[in-house]
Amino acid sequence: MKVQAGAVLAKNRFFWKWNNGATTTLAELGDPTLTTAYALCLYGSEAGVVQLLSAANIPAAAQCGGEPCWKRLSDKGFRYKDLIGAFGGVQKIILKSGDTGKAKALVKSRGDQIEMPPIPIPQEPSVVVQLVNGEGQCWDAAYTAPADGNDIRGFRDRTPP
């Protein structure tokens, strides 16, 4: 995971990758091209008190420049692409179903639409990222202290095992 505060708001960045996930079926992903919305949430904690620091809501069937933002990736998953990041700065999402170790999720956000968390991010004991869909499914990762980097430039840490 990487959160980077830019010198100007347009250079803010957020990147999260969930690799080698638990078994995830195509049905659990829902159908964002029609009905399944997604939310990306970033939680920090200080002295064990968890608080929501940043969120982005990505609607189902969203339109980007007159074209659908969401596209189906054959029989494995979905891709979201919005170069202007109209929904919380989110420009790219890839969702792939698969057996244990093969399921994946990726989210890239950029620009002044990102709801930036406080930098450095409070991480006592962890920072948690969740991708939740309207079907009630949740994919998450917890990054326990110490992070690879957590200072005034941003936060970065590798995906936990």
C-alpha atoms as a PDB file:
ATOM      1  CA  MET A   1       0.000   0.000   0.000  1.00  0.00           C
ATOM      2  CA  LYS A   2       1.174   3.506  -0.715  1.00  0.00           C
ATOM      3  CA  VAL A   3      -0.303   6.899   0.177  1.00  0.00           C
ATOM      4  CA  GLN A   4       1.643   9.881  -1.084  1.00  0.00           C
ATOM      5  CA  ALA A   5       0.920  13.520  -0.301  1.00  0.00           C
ATOM      6  CA  GLY A   6       1.872  15.618  -3.302  1.00  0.00           C
ATOM      7  CA  ALA A   7       3.384  19.098  -3.196  1.00  0.00           C
ATOM      8  CA  VAL A   8       0.123  20.140  -4.888  1.00  0.00           C
ATOM      9  CA  LEU A   9      -3.233  18.371  -4.452  1.00  0.00           C
ATOM     10  CA  ALA A  10      -3.210  17.130  -8.053  1.00  0.00           C
ATOM     11  CA  LYS A  11      -0.184  14.963  -7.167  1.00  0.00           C
ATOM     12  CA  ASN A  12      -1.798  13.106  -4.233  1.00  0.00           C
ATOM     13  CA  ARG A  13      -1.691   9.340  -4.765  1.00  0.00           C
ATOM     14  CA  PHE A  14      -3.134   6.192  -3.241  1.00  0.00           C
ATOM     15  CA  PHE A  15      -2.267   2.658  -4.342  1.00  0.00           C
ATOM     16  CA  TRP A  16      -3.435  -0.629  -2.819  1.00  0.00           C
ATOM     17  CA  LYS A  17      -2.953  -4.171  -4.037  1.00  0.00           C
ATOM     18  CA  TRP A  18      -4.500  -7.274  -2.480  1.00  0.00           C
ATOM     19  CA  ASN A  19      -2.626 -10.291  -3.863  1.00  0.00           C
ATOM     20  CA  ASN A  20      -2.757 -13.970  -3.104  1.00  0.00           C
ATOM     21  CA  GLY A  21      -6.203 -13.597  -1.611  1.00  0.00           C
ATOM     22  CA  ALA A  22      -8.616 -16.112  -0.212  1.00  0.00           C
ATOM     23  CA  THR A  23     -10.861 -17.967  -2.632  1.00  0.00           C
ATOM     24  CA  THR A  24     -13.187 -15.429  -4.250  1.00  0.00           C
ATOM     25  CA  THR A  25     -15.928 -16.370  -6.689  1.00  0.00           C
ATOM     26  CA  LEU A  26     -17.187 -14.236  -9.541  1.00  0.00           C
ATOM     27  CA  ALA A  27     -20.578 -14.133  -7.791  1.00  0.00           C
ATOM     28  CA  GLU A  28     -18.948 -12.595  -4.684  1.00  0.00           C
ATOM     29  CA  LEU A  29     -17.636  -9.742  -6.834  1.00  0.00           C
ATOM     30  CA  GLY A  30     -21.208  -8.933  -7.828  1.00  0.00           C
ATOM     31  CA  ASP A  31     -21.730  -7.071 -11.097  1.00  0.00           C
ATOM     32  CA  PRO A  32     -20.452  -3.491 -10.941  1.00  0.00           C
ATOM     33  CA  THR A  33     -21.377  -2.993 -14.602  1.00  0.00           C
ATOM     34  CA  LEU A  34     -25.026  -3.122 -13.471  1.00  0.00           C
ATOM     35  CA  THR A  35     -25.789  -3.125  -9.740  1.00  0.00           C
ATOM     36  CA  THR A  36     -22.816  -3.614  -7.394  1.00  0.00           C
ATOM     37  CA  ALA A  37     -21.233  -0.475  -5.934  1.00  0.00           C
ATOM     38  CA  TYR A  38     -17.877  -0.482  -4.159  1.00  0.00           C
ATOM     39  CA  ALA A  39     -16.335   1.515  -1.310  1.00  0.00           C
ATOM     40  CA  LEU A  40     -12.670   1.842  -0.440  1.00  0.00           C
ATOM     41  CA  CYS A  41     -11.932   2.669   3.197  1.00  0.00           C
ATOM     42  CA  LEU A  42      -8.683   3.462   4.991  1.00  0.00           C
ATOM     43  CA  TYR A  43      -8.595   3.125   8.780  1.00  0.00           C
ATOM     44  CA  GLY A  44      -5.854   4.264  11.124  1.00  0.00           C
ATOM     45  CA  SER A  45      -5.475   3.610  14.812  1.00  0.00           C
ATOM     46  CA  GLU A  46      -3.973   5.493  17.677  1.00  0.00           C
ATOM     47  CA  ALA A  47      -3.599   3.845  21.079  1.00  0.00           C
ATOM     48  CA  GLY A  48      -5.847   1.081  19.771  1.00  0.00           C
ATOM     49  CA  VAL A  49      -8.703   3.439  18.831  1.00  0.00           C
ATOM     50  CA  VAL A  50      -9.675   2.816  15.201  1.00  0.00           C
ATOM     51  CA  GLN A  51     -10.967   5.654  13.036  1.00  0.00           C
ATOM     52  CA  LEU A  52     -11.957   6.036   9.394  1.00  0.00           C
ATOM     53  CA  LEU A  53      -9.391   8.334   7.755  1.00  0.00           C
ATOM     54  CA  SER A  54     -10.355   8.208   4.093  1.00  0.00           C
ATOM     55  CA  ALA A  55     -13.106   6.766   1.907  1.00  0.00           C
ATOM     56  CA  ALA A  56     -14.121   6.655  -1.741  1.00  0.00           C
ATOM     57  CA  ASN A  57     -17.440   5.391  -3.091  1.00  0.00           C
ATOM     58  CA  ILE A  58     -17.514   3.977  -6.609  1.00  0.00           C
ATOM     59  CA  PRO A  59     -21.023   3.516  -7.980  1.00  0.00           C
ATOM     60  CA  ALA A  60     -22.254   0.627 -10.069  1.00  0.00           C
ATOM     61  CA  ALA A  61     -22.781   1.327 -13.760  1.00  0.00           C
ATOM     62  CA  ALA A  62     -20.749   4.559 -13.529  1.00  0.00           C
ATOM     63  CA  GLN A  63     -20.166   6.518 -16.729  1.00  0.00           C
ATOM     64  CA  CYS A  64     -16.792   8.003 -17.694  1.00  0.00           C
ATOM     65  CA  GLY A  65     -16.829  10.391 -20.625  1.00  0.00           C
ATOM     66  CA  GLY A  66     -20.029   8.851 -21.956  1.00  0.00           C
ATOM     67  CA  GLU A  67     -18.631   5.308 -21.751  1.00  0.00           C
ATOM     68  CA  PRO A  68     -19.056   2.720 -18.986  1.00  0.00           C
ATOM     69  CA  CYS A  69     -16.271   2.932 -16.389  1.00  0.00           C
ATOM     70  CA  TRP A  70     -16.723  -0.725 -15.443  1.00  0.00           C
ATOM     71  CA  LYS A  71     -15.944  -3.539 -17.906  1.00  0.00           C
ATOM     72  CA  ARG A  72     -16.094  -7.285 -17.474  1.00  0.00           C
ATOM     73  CA  LEU A  73     -12.783  -9.172 -17.752  1.00  0.00           C
ATOM     74  CA  SER A  74     -13.905 -12.377 -19.475  1.00  0.00           C
ATOM     75  CA  ASP A  75     -15.140 -14.810 -16.816  1.00  0.00           C
ATOM     76  CA  LYS A  76     -12.652 -13.777 -14.096  1.00  0.00           C
ATOM     77  CA  GLY A  77     -13.622 -10.314 -12.891  1.00  0.00           C
ATOM     78  CA  PHE A  78     -13.964  -6.612 -13.648  1.00  0.00           C
ATOM     79  CA  ARG A  79     -11.965  -3.511 -14.460  1.00  0.00           C
ATOM     80  CA  TYR A  80     -12.811   0.099 -13.639  1.00  0.00           C
ATOM     81  CA  LYS A  81     -11.117   2.935 -15.504  1.00  0.00           C
ATOM     82  CA  ASP A  82     -11.725   6.666 -14.996  1.00  0.00           C
ATOM     83  CA  LEU A  83      -8.825   8.892 -16.007  1.00  0.00           C
ATOM     84  CA  ILE A  84     -10.263  11.968 -14.265  1.00  0.00           C
ATOM     85  CA  GLY A  85     -10.970  10.137 -10.985  1.00  0.00           C
ATOM     86  CA  ALA A  86     -14.445  11.595 -10.529  1.00  0.00           C
ATOM     87  CA  PHE A  87     -15.258   9.281  -7.613  1.00  0.00           C
ATOM     88  CA  GLY A  88     -12.779   9.950  -4.804  1.00  0.00           C
ATOM     89  CA  GLY A  89      -9.865  10.179  -7.219  1.00  0.00           C
ATOM     90  CA  VAL A  90     -10.164   6.475  -8.094  1.00  0.00           C
ATOM     91  CA  GLN A  91      -8.796   5.969 -11.585  1.00  0.00           C
ATOM     92  CA  LYS A  92      -8.350   2.206 -11.755  1.00  0.00           C
ATOM     93  CA  ILE A  93      -9.738  -0.893 -10.072  1.00  0.00           C
ATOM     94  CA  ILE A  94      -9.050  -4.469 -11.066  1.00  0.00           C
ATOM     95  CA  LEU A  95     -11.007  -7.286  -9.428  1.00  0.00           C
ATOM     96  CA  LYS A  96     -10.198 -10.921 -10.202  1.00  0.00           C
ATOM     97  CA  SER A  97     -11.884 -13.994  -8.832  1.00  0.00           C
ATOM     98  CA  GLY A  98      -9.911 -17.158  -8.239  1.00  0.00           C
ATOM     99  CA  ASP A  99      -8.866 -19.928  -5.935  1.00  0.00           C
ATOM    100  CA  THR A 100      -6.820 -19.255  -2.806  1.00  0.00           C
ATOM    101  CA  GLY A 101      -3.672 -17.424  -3.816  1.00  0.00           C
ATOM    102  CA  LYS A 102      -5.097 -16.376  -7.193  1.00  0.00           C
ATOM    103  CA  ALA A 103      -7.814 -13.842  -6.286  1.00  0.00           C
ATOM    104  CA  LYS A 104      -6.696 -10.209  -6.621  1.00  0.00           C
ATOM    105  CA  ALA A 105      -7.817  -6.628  -6.139  1.00  0.00           C
ATOM    106  CA  LEU A 106      -5.994  -3.447  -7.110  1.00  0.00           C
ATOM    107  CA  VAL A 107      -6.991   0.197  -6.604  1.00  0.00           C
ATOM    108  CA  LYS A 108      -5.155   3.276  -7.926  1.00  0.00           C
ATOM    109  CA  SER A 109      -6.214   6.814  -7.077  1.00  0.00           C
ATOM    110  CA  ARG A 110      -4.655  10.113  -7.979  1.00  0.00           C
ATOM    111  CA  GLY A 111      -5.370  13.809  -7.772  1.00  0.00           C
ATOM    112  CA  ASP A 112      -7.209  16.391  -5.753  1.00  0.00           C
ATOM    113  CA  GLN A 113     -10.371  14.281  -5.400  1.00  0.00           C
ATOM    114  CA  ILE A 114      -8.694  11.888  -2.929  1.00  0.00           C
ATOM    115  CA  GLU A 115      -9.843  12.297   0.649  1.00  0.00           C
ATOM    116  CA  MET A 116      -6.321  12.392   2.057  1.00  0.00           C
ATOM    117  CA  PRO A 117      -5.715  10.930   5.516  1.00  0.00           C
ATOM    118  CA  PRO A 118      -3.506  12.769   7.997  1.00  0.00           C
ATOM    119  CA  ILE A 119       0.141  12.196   7.155  1.00  0.00           C
ATOM    120  CA  PRO A 120       1.887  10.440   8.853  1.00  0.00           C
ATOM    121  CA  ILE A 121      -0.947   7.945   9.259  1.00  0.00           C
ATOM    122  CA  PRO A 122      -1.625   6.853  12.862  1.00  0.00           C
ATOM    123  CA  GLN A 123      -0.530   3.199  13.057  1.00  0.00           C
ATOM    124  CA  GLU A 124      -0.820   2.071  16.668  1.00  0.00           C
ATOM    125  CA  PRO A 125      -1.156  -0.865  16.205  1.00  0.00           C
ATOM    126  CA  SER A 126      -2.152  -0.976  12.505  1.00  0.00           C
ATOM    127  CA  VAL A 127      -3.497   0.642   9.344  1.00  0.00           C
ATOM    128  CA  VAL A 128      -6.322  -1.237   7.612  1.00  0.00           C
ATOM    129  CA  VAL A 129      -7.559  -0.954   4.023  1.00  0.00           C
ATOM    130  CA  GLN A 130     -10.936  -2.418   3.080  1.00  0.00           C
ATOM    131  CA  LEU A 131     -12.625  -2.786  -0.272  1.00  0.00           C
ATOM    132  CA  VAL A 132     -16.307  -3.489   0.354  1.00  0.00           C
ATOM    133  CA  ASN A 133     -19.049  -4.100  -2.173  1.00  0.00           C
ATOM    134  CA  GLY A 134     -22.799  -3.660  -2.080  1.00  0.00           C
ATOM    135  CA  GLU A 135     -23.226  -7.436  -1.884  1.00  0.00           C
ATOM    136  CA  GLY A 136     -21.683  -7.413   1.604  1.00  0.00           C
ATOM    137  CA  GLN A 137     -18.292  -8.808   0.571  1.00  0.00           C
ATOM    138  CA  CYS A 138     -15.118  -7.313   2.029  1.00  0.00           C
ATOM    139  CA  TRP A 139     -11.470  -7.664   1.067  1.00  0.00           C
ATOM    140  CA  ASP A 140      -8.982  -6.179   3.498  1.00  0.00           C
ATOM    141  CA  ALA A 141      -5.396  -5.998   4.634  1.00  0.00           C
ATOM    142  CA  ALA A 142      -3.897  -4.835   7.931  1.00  0.00           C
ATOM    143  CA  TYR A 143      -0.464  -3.218   8.012  1.00  0.00           C
ATOM    144  CA  THR A 144       1.055  -3.463  11.476  1.00  0.00           C
ATOM    145  CA  ALA A 145       3.697  -1.086  12.772  1.00  0.00           C
ATOM    146  CA  PRO A 146       6.332  -0.340  11.874  1.00  0.00           C
ATOM    147  CA  ALA A 147       5.586   0.556   8.257  1.00  0.00           C
ATOM    148  CA  ASP A 148       8.305   0.616   5.609  1.00  0.00           C
ATOM    149  CA  GLY A 149       7.742   4.377   5.604  1.00  0.00           C
ATOM    150  CA  ASN A 150       5.338   6.662   7.443  1.00  0.00           C
ATOM    151  CA  ASP A 151       6.366  10.319   7.482  1.00  0.00           C
ATOM    152  CA  ILE A 152       5.374  13.724   6.068  1.00  0.00           C
ATOM    153  CA  ARG A 153       5.830  12.441   2.500  1.00  0.00           C
ATOM    154  CA  GLY A 154       3.363   9.605   2.972  1.00  0.00           C
ATOM    155  CA  PHE A 155       2.847   6.003   3.989  1.00  0.00           C
ATOM    156  CA  ARG A 156       4.165   2.848   2.366  1.00  0.00           C
ATOM    157  CA  ASP A 157       4.171  -0.745   3.452  1.00  0.00           C
ATOM    158  CA  ARG A 158       4.171  -4.137   1.807  1.00  0.00           C
ATOM    159  CA  THR A 159       1.164  -6.385   1.711  1.00  0.00           C
ATOM    160  CA  PRO A 160       1.121  -8.458   4.868  1.00  0.00           C
ATOM    161  CA  PRO A 161       1.620 -12.230   4.523  1.00  0.00           C
END
